[in-house]
C-alpha atoms as a PDB file:
ATOM      1  CA  MET A   1      43.552 -22.629   8.813  1.00  0.00           C
ATOM      2  CA  VAL A   2      41.468 -21.389   5.882  1.00  0.00           C
ATOM      3  CA  THR A   3      41.432 -17.883   7.367  1.00  0.00           C
ATOM      4  CA  GLN A   4      45.176 -17.935   8.055  1.00  0.00           C
ATOM      5  CA  ILE A   5      46.042 -19.072   4.541  1.00  0.00           C
ATOM      6  CA  GLY A   6      43.615 -16.751   2.807  1.00  0.00           C
ATOM      7  CA  GLY A   7      44.087 -16.941  -0.945  1.00  0.00           C
ATOM      8  CA  LYS A   8      47.804 -17.710  -0.651  1.00  0.00           C
ATOM      9  CA  GLY A   9      47.560 -21.479  -0.651  1.00  0.00           C
ATOM     10  CA  ARG A  10      45.262 -24.451  -0.421  1.00  0.00           C
ATOM     11  CA  ILE A  11      44.147 -26.975   2.115  1.00  0.00           C
ATOM     12  CA  ILE A  12      43.729 -30.651   1.335  1.00  0.00           C
ATOM     13  CA  ALA A  13      41.998 -32.743   3.994  1.00  0.00           C
ATOM     14  CA  CYS A  14      41.561 -36.500   4.283  1.00  0.00           C
ATOM     15  CA  ASP A  15      39.379 -38.367   6.764  1.00  0.00           C
ATOM     16  CA  LEU A  16      37.656 -41.720   7.162  1.00  0.00           C
ATOM     17  CA  LEU A  17      34.415 -39.992   8.044  1.00  0.00           C
ATOM     18  CA  PRO A  18      32.374 -37.608   5.925  1.00  0.00           C
ATOM     19  CA  MET A  19      32.908 -33.923   6.563  1.00  0.00           C
ATOM     20  CA  ASP A  20      30.618 -30.970   5.971  1.00  0.00           C
ATOM     21  CA  PRO A  21      31.986 -28.878   3.109  1.00  0.00           C
ATOM     22  CA  ILE A  22      34.293 -26.019   4.095  1.00  0.00           C
ATOM     23  CA  VAL A  23      34.965 -23.275   1.579  1.00  0.00           C
ATOM     24  CA  GLY A  24      38.622 -23.420   0.607  1.00  0.00           C
ATOM     25  CA  VAL A  25      39.164 -27.050   1.642  1.00  0.00           C
ATOM     26  CA  ASP A  26      39.647 -29.865  -0.875  1.00  0.00           C
ATOM     27  CA  PHE A  27      38.300 -32.906   1.004  1.00  0.00           C
ATOM     28  CA  LEU A  28      39.071 -36.549   0.251  1.00  0.00           C
ATOM     29  CA  GLN A  29      37.120 -39.153   2.196  1.00  0.00           C
ATOM     30  CA  GLY A  30      38.975 -42.405   2.721  1.00  0.00           C
ATOM     31  CA  ASP A  31      41.383 -44.415   4.820  1.00  0.00           C
ATOM     32  CA  PHE A  32      44.831 -42.814   4.830  1.00  0.00           C
ATOM     33  CA  ARG A  33      46.331 -46.308   5.168  1.00  0.00           C
ATOM     34  CA  ASP A  34      44.781 -47.388   1.852  1.00  0.00           C
ATOM     35  CA  GLU A  35      47.209 -47.214  -1.069  1.00  0.00           C
ATOM     36  CA  LEU A  36      44.544 -45.860  -3.448  1.00  0.00           C
ATOM     37  CA  VAL A  37      43.591 -43.101  -1.016  1.00  0.00           C
ATOM     38  CA  MET A  38      47.249 -42.170  -0.575  1.00  0.00           C
ATOM     39  CA  LYS A  39      47.674 -42.077  -4.353  1.00  0.00           C
ATOM     40  CA  ALA A  40      44.628 -39.800  -4.707  1.00  0.00           C
ATOM     41  CA  LEU A  41      45.968 -37.546  -1.965  1.00  0.00           C
ATOM     42  CA  LEU A  42      49.388 -37.292  -3.613  1.00  0.00           C
ATOM     43  CA  GLU A  43      47.729 -36.543  -6.963  1.00  0.00           C
ATOM     44  CA  ARG A  44      45.886 -33.631  -5.357  1.00  0.00           C
ATOM     45  CA  VAL A  45      49.158 -32.281  -3.994  1.00  0.00           C
ATOM     46  CA  GLY A  46      50.748 -32.672  -7.418  1.00  0.00           C
ATOM     47  CA  ASP A  47      54.327 -31.592  -8.061  1.00  0.00           C
ATOM     48  CA  SER A  48      54.216 -28.749  -5.573  1.00  0.00           C
ATOM     49  CA  LYS A  49      55.741 -29.054  -2.116  1.00  0.00           C
ATOM     50  CA  VAL A  50      53.605 -28.204   0.887  1.00  0.00           C
ATOM     51  CA  GLN A  51      54.416 -25.877   3.768  1.00  0.00           C
ATOM     52  CA  VAL A  52      52.604 -27.712   6.573  1.00  0.00           C
ATOM     53  CA  VAL A  53      51.362 -31.255   7.159  1.00  0.00           C
ATOM     54  CA  MET A  54      49.014 -31.635  10.125  1.00  0.00           C
ATOM     55  CA  SER A  55      47.680 -34.961  11.321  1.00  0.00           C
ATOM     56  CA  ASP A  56      45.159 -35.712  14.031  1.00  0.00           C
ATOM     57  CA  MET A  57      44.692 -39.342  13.036  1.00  0.00           C
ATOM     58  CA  ALA A  58      43.893 -41.713  15.862  1.00  0.00           C
ATOM     59  CA  PRO A  59      43.004 -45.397  15.857  1.00  0.00           C
ATOM     60  CA  ASN A  60      39.800 -46.754  17.304  1.00  0.00           C
ATOM     61  CA  MET A  61      40.796 -47.181  20.921  1.00  0.00           C
ATOM     62  CA  SER A  62      40.548 -50.586  22.547  1.00  0.00           C
ATOM     63  CA  GLY A  63      41.354 -49.333  26.039  1.00  0.00           C
ATOM     64  CA  THR A  64      44.497 -51.457  26.123  1.00  0.00           C
ATOM     65  CA  PRO A  65      47.582 -49.212  26.019  1.00  0.00           C
ATOM     66  CA  ALA A  66      49.790 -52.031  24.698  1.00  0.00           C
ATOM     67  CA  VAL A  67      47.518 -52.153  21.639  1.00  0.00           C
ATOM     68  CA  ASP A  68      46.468 -48.508  21.298  1.00  0.00           C
ATOM     69  CA  ILE A  69      49.885 -46.857  21.545  1.00  0.00           C
ATOM     70  CA  PRO A  70      51.521 -48.869  18.711  1.00  0.00           C
ATOM     71  CA  ARG A  71      48.453 -48.285  16.518  1.00  0.00           C
ATOM     72  CA  ALA A  72      48.613 -44.547  17.149  1.00  0.00           C
ATOM     73  CA  MET A  73      52.357 -44.428  16.507  1.00  0.00           C
ATOM     74  CA  TYR A  74      51.867 -46.324  13.241  1.00  0.00           C
ATOM     75  CA  LEU A  75      49.521 -43.575  12.031  1.00  0.00           C
ATOM     76  CA  VAL A  76      52.032 -40.885  13.012  1.00  0.00           C
ATOM     77  CA  GLU A  77      54.750 -42.791  11.140  1.00  0.00           C
ATOM     78  CA  LEU A  78      52.553 -43.021   8.023  1.00  0.00           C
ATOM     79  CA  ALA A  79      51.971 -39.269   8.075  1.00  0.00           C
ATOM     80  CA  LEU A  80      55.688 -38.675   8.580  1.00  0.00           C
ATOM     81  CA  GLU A  81      56.441 -40.963   5.633  1.00  0.00           C
ATOM     82  CA  MET A  82      54.119 -38.887   3.455  1.00  0.00           C
ATOM     83  CA  CYS A  83      56.029 -35.774   4.547  1.00  0.00           C
ATOM     84  CA  ARG A  84      59.142 -37.134   2.888  1.00  0.00           C
ATOM     85  CA  ASP A  85      57.289 -36.960  -0.435  1.00  0.00           C
ATOM     86  CA  VAL A  86      55.350 -33.717  -0.109  1.00  0.00           C
ATOM     87  CA  LEU A  87      56.848 -31.414   2.531  1.00  0.00           C
ATOM     88  CA  ALA A  88      59.095 -28.578   1.383  1.00  0.00           C
ATOM     89  CA  PRO A  89      62.531 -28.495   3.056  1.00  0.00           C
ATOM     90  CA  GLY A  90      62.510 -26.705   6.393  1.00  0.00           C
ATOM     91  CA  ARG A  91      58.712 -26.722   6.698  1.00  0.00           C
ATOM     92  CA  LYS A  92      56.458 -28.064   9.435  1.00  0.00           C
ATOM     93  CA  PHE A  93      54.911 -31.400  10.431  1.00  0.00           C
ATOM     94  CA  CYS A  94      52.488 -31.467  13.345  1.00  0.00           C
ATOM     95  CA  SER A  95      50.872 -34.620  14.677  1.00  0.00           C
ATOM     96  CA  GLU A  96      49.257 -35.977  17.785  1.00  0.00           C
ATOM     97  CA  GLY A  97      49.559 -39.394  19.291  1.00  0.00           C
ATOM     98  CA  VAL A  98      48.549 -41.379  22.332  1.00  0.00           C
ATOM     99  CA  PRO A  99      50.995 -40.745  25.160  1.00  0.00           C
ATOM    100  CA  GLY A 100      52.420 -43.761  26.900  1.00  0.00           C
ATOM    101  CA  ARG A 101      54.416 -44.117  30.105  1.00  0.00           C
ATOM    102  CA  ARG A 102      57.551 -42.807  28.397  1.00  0.00           C
ATOM    103  CA  PHE A 103      55.858 -39.445  27.721  1.00  0.00           C
ATOM    104  CA  ARG A 104      54.691 -38.685  31.271  1.00  0.00           C
END
């Protein structure tokens, strides 16, 4: 993504786990579900609207689909909720989830 954006934009990343520094990426370590982390993330975005929101969040898997699928969908819904605040009209949201029987 850094190469594709070049100097035309910025990348803000958030993850529970530490990440090696990447030139051109503003990294915030924390739990996306935490209100303070979300506030810090929104502060970094500021008043500007973003062009793309990408999420690869996944819960710790228990191995029980009845538990794992709702947890994964909750994370997708949280990311989608954030899009309502930060995504420019007509722009892109990309996320992954855990497929269930309905998606086969």
